[in-house]
Amino acid sequence: MSPSCTSITASFAIRKQSLIRLDKFLFDRLANTSRSRIQAAAKAGSVLVNEKPAKPSQKVKPGDSISIVLPYPQREVELLPEDIPLRVLYEDEHLVVLDKQAGLVVHPGHGNWTGTLVNALLYHFGKLPPMPGAEIPRPGLVHRLDKDTSGVMVVGKSEEALTHLARQFFDRTSDRRYNALVWGDFAEDQGVIEGHIGRSIKDRTVQQVFPEGEHGKPALTRWRVVERFRYVTLVECKLETGRTHQIRAHMQWIGHPLFNDAAYGGDRIIKGTTFTKYRQFVENCFEMLPRQALHARTLSIDHPSTGKRMHFESALPADMEGVLAKWRTYTGANPLAAEED
């Protein structure tokens, strides 16, 4: 595969233009190219300023000659409508609120260029406004849920609505609450988890908590106990920030990974006995719930046109309800189960 080469000669028309970082300059001018991709090219010596290798942080000025060689050709993403069933909780001319099923990827990306929520949205609702600055087109999307997370999502149907809703998420005036089944019991009935979240240094497919804030972005999750099952606990989590895998990473960090969350170590027995009967019980629960036990239960937003506060709720899906019922039966029928540890 031959590399694609993009050459840019900087010639600022604006007088007294201040110096600007090289990576930002290129990011603002290269379509469908992320800033991290540009930085990687610079670190590899593939970005030249006046024919000399340059660092991403180098400042460029009017008259500088800049060239960049990208190691992989940029993919042209063609979004096609696909007839994928959707459950609509509410719809008007400004927005649509969905109850996303587990297993559905939200937007196209590496390995998932079709069969996504975006493809379904285009089929059911037609053209939707683009999200500004997105490397890959994400029409209508204000926020996202992980592939195997179910629950409430809101989609903007007009550019004005999309902008208004995005601002609510940024200003934290929206209210998002999740139900999660996590390993272990809690000494308290509620608490707060605060720690920067960023891509893991060791495994780029997952997120990591950086308690000292040396990497990542600030993240805050409020939680409260809903129901206890000795070995696992059903909690409600309220997001004050919206980082990738925030609940999953935060819960793992405090020693309570989500039940059957393979990416964060929850797909094995963390708490409980070593008895064969218990191990078989947990494995049966894993089979019934073949994903992380996380559901976006409620969403409250201000309507982008009327300003009216709106509240939406999604009942727990059958797989999570089934596993909770099994835990209720198991712990209820085994009052001395805690003594078997």
Protein backbone atom coordinates (compact mmCIF):
# COMPACT_ATOMS: atom_id res chain seq x y z
CA MET A 1 0.00 0.00 0.00
CA SER A 2 1.57 3.21 -1.11
CA PRO A 3 1.54 6.17 1.26
CA SER A 4 -0.44 9.29 0.55
CA CYS A 5 1.47 12.54 0.52
CA THR A 6 -0.03 15.91 1.35
CA SER A 7 2.06 19.05 0.93
CA ILE A 8 1.06 22.39 2.35
CA THR A 9 2.78 25.71 1.84
CA ALA A 10 1.89 28.09 4.62
CA SER A 11 1.06 31.51 3.28
CA PHE A 12 -1.00 33.42 5.80
CA ALA A 13 -3.13 36.16 4.31
CA ILE A 14 -3.89 37.73 7.68
CA ARG A 15 -1.34 40.29 8.79
CA LYS A 16 0.19 40.04 12.23
CA GLN A 17 -0.87 36.39 12.39
CA SER A 18 0.39 34.97 15.68
CA LEU A 19 2.54 31.87 15.77
CA ILE A 20 0.62 28.60 15.76
CA ARG A 21 1.55 25.03 16.70
CA LEU A 22 2.43 22.85 13.75
CA ASP A 23 0.02 20.04 14.66
CA LYS A 24 -2.87 22.48 15.08
CA PHE A 25 -2.07 24.20 11.79
CA LEU A 26 -2.20 20.87 9.92
CA PHE A 27 -5.24 19.60 11.82
CA ASP A 28 -7.21 22.69 10.80
CA ARG A 29 -6.37 22.10 7.14
CA LEU A 30 -6.41 18.34 6.62
CA ALA A 31 -9.87 16.84 6.30
CA ASN A 32 -10.58 13.47 7.96
CA THR A 33 -7.21 13.42 9.72
CA SER A 34 -6.95 13.34 13.51
CA ARG A 35 -4.49 15.42 15.49
CA SER A 36 -2.98 12.26 16.97
CA ARG A 37 -2.31 10.93 13.48
CA ILE A 38 -0.52 14.16 12.58
CA GLN A 39 1.52 14.02 15.79
CA ALA A 40 2.50 10.42 15.06
CA ALA A 41 3.66 11.44 11.58
CA ALA A 42 5.74 14.26 13.06
CA LYS A 43 7.36 11.98 15.62
CA ALA A 44 8.22 9.59 12.80
CA GLY A 45 10.00 12.41 10.95
CA SER A 46 7.35 12.63 8.26
CA VAL A 47 6.48 16.29 8.81
CA LEU A 48 8.92 18.86 7.45
CA VAL A 49 9.08 22.59 8.03
CA ASN A 50 11.35 24.32 5.55
CA GLU A 51 12.59 20.84 4.53
CA LYS A 52 13.65 19.92 8.10
CA PRO A 53 11.90 17.40 10.42
CA ALA A 54 9.75 19.21 12.96
CA LYS A 55 8.09 18.37 16.27
CA PRO A 56 4.30 18.68 16.67
CA SER A 57 4.77 21.53 19.14
CA GLN A 58 6.98 23.61 16.83
CA LYS A 59 5.50 27.02 16.07
CA VAL A 60 5.06 27.94 12.42
CA LYS A 61 4.82 31.41 10.94
CA PRO A 62 3.85 33.10 7.68
CA GLY A 63 6.09 32.04 4.82
CA ASP A 64 7.06 28.63 6.26
CA SER A 65 6.95 25.70 3.84
CA ILE A 66 5.28 22.66 5.40
CA SER A 67 4.97 19.15 4.01
CA ILE A 68 3.58 15.96 5.51
CA VAL A 69 3.65 12.34 4.43
CA LEU A 70 0.87 10.22 5.90
CA PRO A 71 1.67 6.49 6.06
CA TYR A 72 -1.85 5.37 5.15
CA PRO A 73 -4.28 6.80 2.65
CA GLN A 74 -7.25 8.54 4.18
CA ARG A 75 -10.41 6.51 3.93
CA GLU A 76 -13.35 8.08 2.22
CA VAL A 77 -16.31 7.10 4.36
CA GLU A 78 -19.56 6.66 2.48
CA LEU A 79 -22.48 6.39 4.86
CA LEU A 80 -25.32 4.33 3.46
CA PRO A 81 -28.82 3.96 4.91
CA GLU A 82 -29.48 0.52 6.35
CA ASP A 83 -32.78 -0.93 7.55
CA ILE A 84 -31.79 -1.71 11.12
CA PRO A 85 -34.66 -1.78 13.66
CA LEU A 86 -34.70 1.05 16.18
CA ARG A 87 -36.82 1.62 19.26
CA VAL A 88 -37.96 5.25 19.35
CA LEU A 89 -38.94 6.68 22.73
CA TYR A 90 -39.73 10.17 21.43
CA GLU A 91 -39.50 12.12 18.18
CA ASP A 92 -40.31 15.59 16.90
CA GLU A 93 -38.88 17.86 14.22
CA HIS A 94 -35.88 18.76 16.39
CA LEU A 95 -34.71 15.53 17.99
CA VAL A 96 -35.26 11.82 18.39
CA VAL A 97 -34.68 9.82 21.57
CA LEU A 98 -33.78 6.15 21.17
CA ASP A 99 -33.52 3.06 23.32
CA LYS A 100 -30.35 1.53 21.89
CA GLN A 101 -30.03 -2.23 21.95
CA ALA A 102 -26.84 -3.93 23.14
CA GLY A 103 -24.55 -5.10 20.34
CA LEU A 104 -25.17 -2.13 18.07
CA VAL A 105 -22.11 -0.02 17.22
CA VAL A 106 -23.01 3.68 17.35
CA HIS A 107 -20.91 5.14 14.54
CA PRO A 108 -18.65 3.84 11.74
CA GLY A 109 -15.03 3.19 12.64
CA HIS A 110 -12.21 0.73 12.15
CA GLY A 111 -13.73 -2.71 11.66
CA ASN A 112 -17.29 -1.37 11.70
CA TRP A 113 -17.95 0.61 8.54
CA THR A 114 -21.52 -0.68 8.14
CA GLY A 115 -24.29 -1.95 10.38
CA THR A 116 -24.05 0.97 12.82
CA LEU A 117 -26.60 3.17 14.51
CA VAL A 118 -25.66 5.98 12.12
CA ASN A 119 -26.56 3.78 9.14
CA ALA A 120 -29.90 3.03 10.80
CA LEU A 121 -30.55 6.72 11.54
CA LEU A 122 -30.01 7.65 7.90
CA TYR A 123 -32.52 5.01 6.83
CA HIS A 124 -35.22 5.98 9.33
CA PHE A 125 -34.78 9.76 9.49
CA GLY A 126 -32.97 10.80 6.33
CA LYS A 127 -30.24 13.43 6.26
CA LEU A 128 -28.97 14.52 9.67
CA PRO A 129 -26.63 17.41 10.57
CA PRO A 130 -22.92 16.59 10.86
CA MET A 131 -21.05 16.84 14.14
CA PRO A 132 -18.43 19.61 13.68
CA GLY A 133 -14.80 18.51 13.89
CA ALA A 134 -15.47 14.77 13.78
CA GLU A 135 -12.77 12.80 11.97
CA ILE A 136 -15.38 10.25 10.88
CA PRO A 137 -18.88 11.48 10.00
CA ARG A 138 -21.29 11.15 12.93
CA PRO A 139 -24.48 12.81 11.71
CA GLY A 140 -26.92 13.72 14.45
CA LEU A 141 -24.89 12.24 17.28
CA VAL A 142 -24.66 14.29 20.46
CA HIS A 143 -23.12 11.51 22.55
CA ARG A 144 -22.47 7.80 22.24
CA LEU A 145 -22.83 4.51 24.05
CA ASP A 146 -20.41 1.60 23.81
CA LYS A 147 -21.38 -1.22 21.47
CA ASP A 148 -22.49 -3.51 24.29
CA THR A 149 -24.09 -0.83 26.44
CA SER A 150 -27.84 -0.45 26.07
CA GLY A 151 -30.17 2.42 26.85
CA VAL A 152 -31.25 6.00 26.19
CA MET A 153 -29.62 8.14 23.51
CA VAL A 154 -30.63 11.49 22.02
CA VAL A 155 -30.01 12.48 18.39
CA GLY A 156 -30.24 15.98 16.94
CA LYS A 157 -32.29 16.27 13.73
CA SER A 158 -31.29 19.84 12.89
CA GLU A 159 -28.05 21.75 13.13
CA GLU A 160 -29.58 24.09 15.72
CA ALA A 161 -30.80 21.20 17.86
CA LEU A 162 -27.48 19.38 17.60
CA THR A 163 -25.58 22.47 18.71
CA HIS A 164 -27.99 23.17 21.59
CA LEU A 165 -27.87 19.57 22.85
CA ALA A 166 -24.09 19.36 22.54
CA ARG A 167 -23.82 22.51 24.63
CA GLN A 168 -25.95 20.94 27.37
CA PHE A 169 -23.63 17.94 27.53
CA PHE A 170 -20.59 20.24 27.60
CA ASP A 171 -22.06 22.48 30.31
CA ARG A 172 -23.27 19.42 32.27
CA THR A 173 -26.86 20.65 32.39
CA SER A 174 -28.08 17.33 31.01
CA ASP A 175 -28.55 14.50 33.49
CA ARG A 176 -27.46 10.95 32.59
CA ARG A 177 -27.90 7.99 34.91
CA TYR A 178 -26.82 4.42 34.33
CA ASN A 179 -27.49 1.11 36.06
CA ALA A 180 -24.46 -1.13 36.42
CA LEU A 181 -24.02 -4.52 38.05
CA VAL A 182 -20.53 -4.54 39.55
CA TRP A 183 -18.43 -7.04 41.44
CA GLY A 184 -18.18 -6.77 45.23
CA ASP A 185 -20.06 -5.00 47.99
CA PHE A 186 -19.68 -1.41 49.22
CA ALA A 187 -19.20 -0.19 52.76
CA GLU A 188 -21.13 2.99 51.94
CA ASP A 189 -24.44 3.56 50.22
CA GLN A 190 -23.09 6.22 47.86
CA GLY A 191 -19.88 7.91 46.82
CA VAL A 192 -17.90 9.82 44.21
CA ILE A 193 -15.13 8.58 41.93
CA GLU A 194 -12.80 11.24 40.61
CA GLY A 195 -9.74 10.54 38.50
CA HIS A 196 -8.43 11.55 35.08
CA ILE A 197 -9.23 9.08 32.31
CA GLY A 198 -7.16 8.53 29.18
CA ARG A 199 -6.14 5.80 26.80
CA SER A 200 -4.15 3.07 28.55
CA ILE A 201 -0.41 3.23 28.05
CA LYS A 202 -0.15 -0.57 27.93
CA ASP A 203 -3.35 -1.43 26.04
CA ARG A 204 -4.63 1.16 23.57
CA THR A 205 -8.04 -0.53 23.32
CA VAL A 206 -9.06 0.40 26.88
CA GLN A 207 -9.05 3.46 29.11
CA GLN A 208 -6.99 3.98 32.25
CA VAL A 209 -7.44 6.12 35.34
CA PHE A 210 -4.58 8.51 36.13
CA PRO A 211 -5.24 9.59 39.73
CA GLU A 212 -2.51 12.23 39.76
CA GLY A 213 -3.88 13.81 36.60
CA GLU A 214 -0.61 13.45 34.71
CA HIS A 215 -2.49 12.07 31.69
CA GLY A 216 -6.03 11.95 30.40
CA LYS A 217 -8.93 14.29 31.07
CA PRO A 218 -10.81 15.05 34.30
CA ALA A 219 -13.65 12.62 35.00
CA LEU A 220 -16.18 12.42 37.82
CA THR A 221 -18.74 9.70 38.48
CA ARG A 222 -21.31 9.74 41.30
CA TRP A 223 -22.69 6.37 42.39
CA ARG A 224 -25.25 5.00 44.81
CA VAL A 225 -26.25 1.47 45.78
CA VAL A 226 -29.59 0.28 44.39
CA GLU A 227 -29.52 -3.38 45.47
CA ARG A 228 -26.97 -5.62 47.17
CA PHE A 229 -26.32 -9.30 46.40
CA ARG A 230 -23.31 -9.89 48.69
CA TYR A 231 -20.94 -10.75 45.84
CA VAL A 232 -22.22 -8.24 43.31
CA THR A 233 -24.05 -4.92 43.65
CA LEU A 234 -26.48 -3.06 41.43
CA VAL A 235 -25.52 0.63 41.42
CA GLU A 236 -26.77 3.80 39.80
CA CYS A 237 -24.07 5.98 38.26
CA LYS A 238 -24.51 9.64 37.39
CA LEU A 239 -22.03 11.04 34.90
CA GLU A 240 -20.72 14.52 35.56
CA THR A 241 -18.33 14.13 32.61
CA GLY A 242 -18.54 12.01 29.47
CA ARG A 243 -15.23 10.23 28.98
CA THR A 244 -14.86 7.09 26.91
CA HIS A 245 -15.57 4.00 29.06
CA GLN A 246 -15.87 6.30 32.09
CA ILE A 247 -18.02 4.06 34.31
CA ARG A 248 -16.16 0.92 33.27
CA ALA A 249 -12.72 2.42 33.95
CA HIS A 250 -13.71 4.18 37.18
CA MET A 251 -15.36 1.10 38.66
CA GLN A 252 -12.39 -1.10 37.80
CA TRP A 253 -10.09 1.46 39.41
CA ILE A 254 -11.87 1.27 42.77
CA GLY A 255 -11.94 -2.53 42.69
CA HIS A 256 -15.48 -3.06 41.40
CA PRO A 257 -15.27 -3.97 37.69
CA LEU A 258 -18.56 -4.38 35.85
CA PHE A 259 -20.02 -7.88 35.80
CA ASN A 260 -18.84 -9.76 32.67
CA ASP A 261 -16.85 -6.78 31.36
CA ALA A 262 -14.11 -8.65 29.51
CA ALA A 263 -12.10 -5.53 28.68
CA TYR A 264 -11.82 -4.49 32.33
CA GLY A 265 -11.43 -7.85 34.09
CA GLY A 266 -15.04 -8.42 35.06
CA ASP A 267 -15.49 -11.65 33.08
CA ARG A 268 -14.12 -13.85 35.89
CA ILE A 269 -15.14 -14.52 39.46
CA ILE A 270 -13.89 -11.58 41.50
CA LYS A 271 -15.87 -12.16 44.70
CA GLY A 272 -17.40 -15.32 46.14
CA THR A 273 -16.67 -18.91 46.99
CA THR A 274 -14.54 -21.47 45.18
CA PHE A 275 -17.32 -24.07 45.36
CA THR A 276 -18.25 -25.70 42.06
CA LYS A 277 -21.93 -24.84 42.50
CA TYR A 278 -21.18 -21.13 42.83
CA ARG A 279 -18.75 -21.14 39.91
CA GLN A 280 -21.36 -22.83 37.70
CA PHE A 281 -23.96 -20.28 38.82
CA VAL A 282 -21.74 -17.36 37.80
CA GLU A 283 -20.89 -18.97 34.46
CA ASN A 284 -24.60 -19.40 33.77
CA CYS A 285 -25.07 -15.69 34.50
CA PHE A 286 -22.27 -14.86 32.06
CA GLU A 287 -24.03 -16.91 29.36
CA MET A 288 -27.30 -15.11 30.02
CA LEU A 289 -25.59 -11.69 29.92
CA PRO A 290 -22.79 -11.97 27.33
CA ARG A 291 -21.68 -8.35 27.73
CA GLN A 292 -20.81 -5.79 30.38
CA ALA A 293 -23.77 -5.20 32.71
CA LEU A 294 -24.30 -1.53 31.88
CA HIS A 295 -27.51 0.22 30.87
CA ALA A 296 -28.19 3.93 30.24
CA ARG A 297 -31.36 4.08 32.33
CA THR A 298 -32.41 7.75 32.22
CA LEU A 299 -31.66 10.98 30.37
CA SER A 300 -32.93 14.47 31.21
CA ILE A 301 -32.39 17.37 28.79
CA ASP A 302 -33.83 20.77 27.93
CA HIS A 303 -35.73 20.76 24.65
CA PRO A 304 -33.55 22.67 22.13
CA SER A 305 -36.51 24.72 20.87
CA THR A 306 -39.00 25.13 23.74
CA GLY A 307 -36.52 24.93 26.63
CA LYS A 308 -38.87 22.53 28.43
CA ARG A 309 -37.16 19.99 30.67
CA MET A 310 -37.68 16.49 29.29
CA HIS A 311 -37.08 13.17 31.03
CA PHE A 312 -36.68 9.81 29.33
CA GLU A 313 -36.30 6.38 30.83
CA SER A 314 -35.48 2.93 29.49
CA ALA A 315 -36.38 -0.19 31.45
CA LEU A 316 -33.60 -2.67 32.10
CA PRO A 317 -33.26 -5.06 29.15
CA ALA A 318 -34.19 -8.72 29.53
CA ASP A 319 -30.60 -9.98 29.87
CA MET A 320 -29.82 -7.73 32.83
CA GLU A 321 -33.22 -8.32 34.46
CA GLY A 322 -32.73 -12.06 34.09
CA VAL A 323 -29.32 -12.01 35.78
CA LEU A 324 -30.59 -9.82 38.62
CA ALA A 325 -33.45 -12.27 39.18
CA LYS A 326 -30.96 -15.13 39.37
CA TRP A 327 -28.86 -13.25 41.96
CA ARG A 328 -31.96 -12.49 44.03
CA THR A 329 -32.89 -16.16 44.02
CA TYR A 330 -29.35 -17.34 44.74
CA THR A 331 -28.65 -15.02 47.66
CA GLY A 332 -32.19 -15.31 48.99
CA ALA A 333 -32.06 -19.10 48.94
CA ASN A 334 -28.56 -19.09 50.48
CA PRO A 335 -28.78 -16.86 53.58
CA LEU A 336 -25.45 -18.23 54.80
CA ALA A 337 -23.73 -17.81 51.43
CA ALA A 338 -21.54 -15.01 52.75
CA GLU A 339 -20.03 -17.44 55.26
CA GLU A 340 -18.88 -19.76 52.48
CA ASP A 341 -16.08 -17.38 51.38
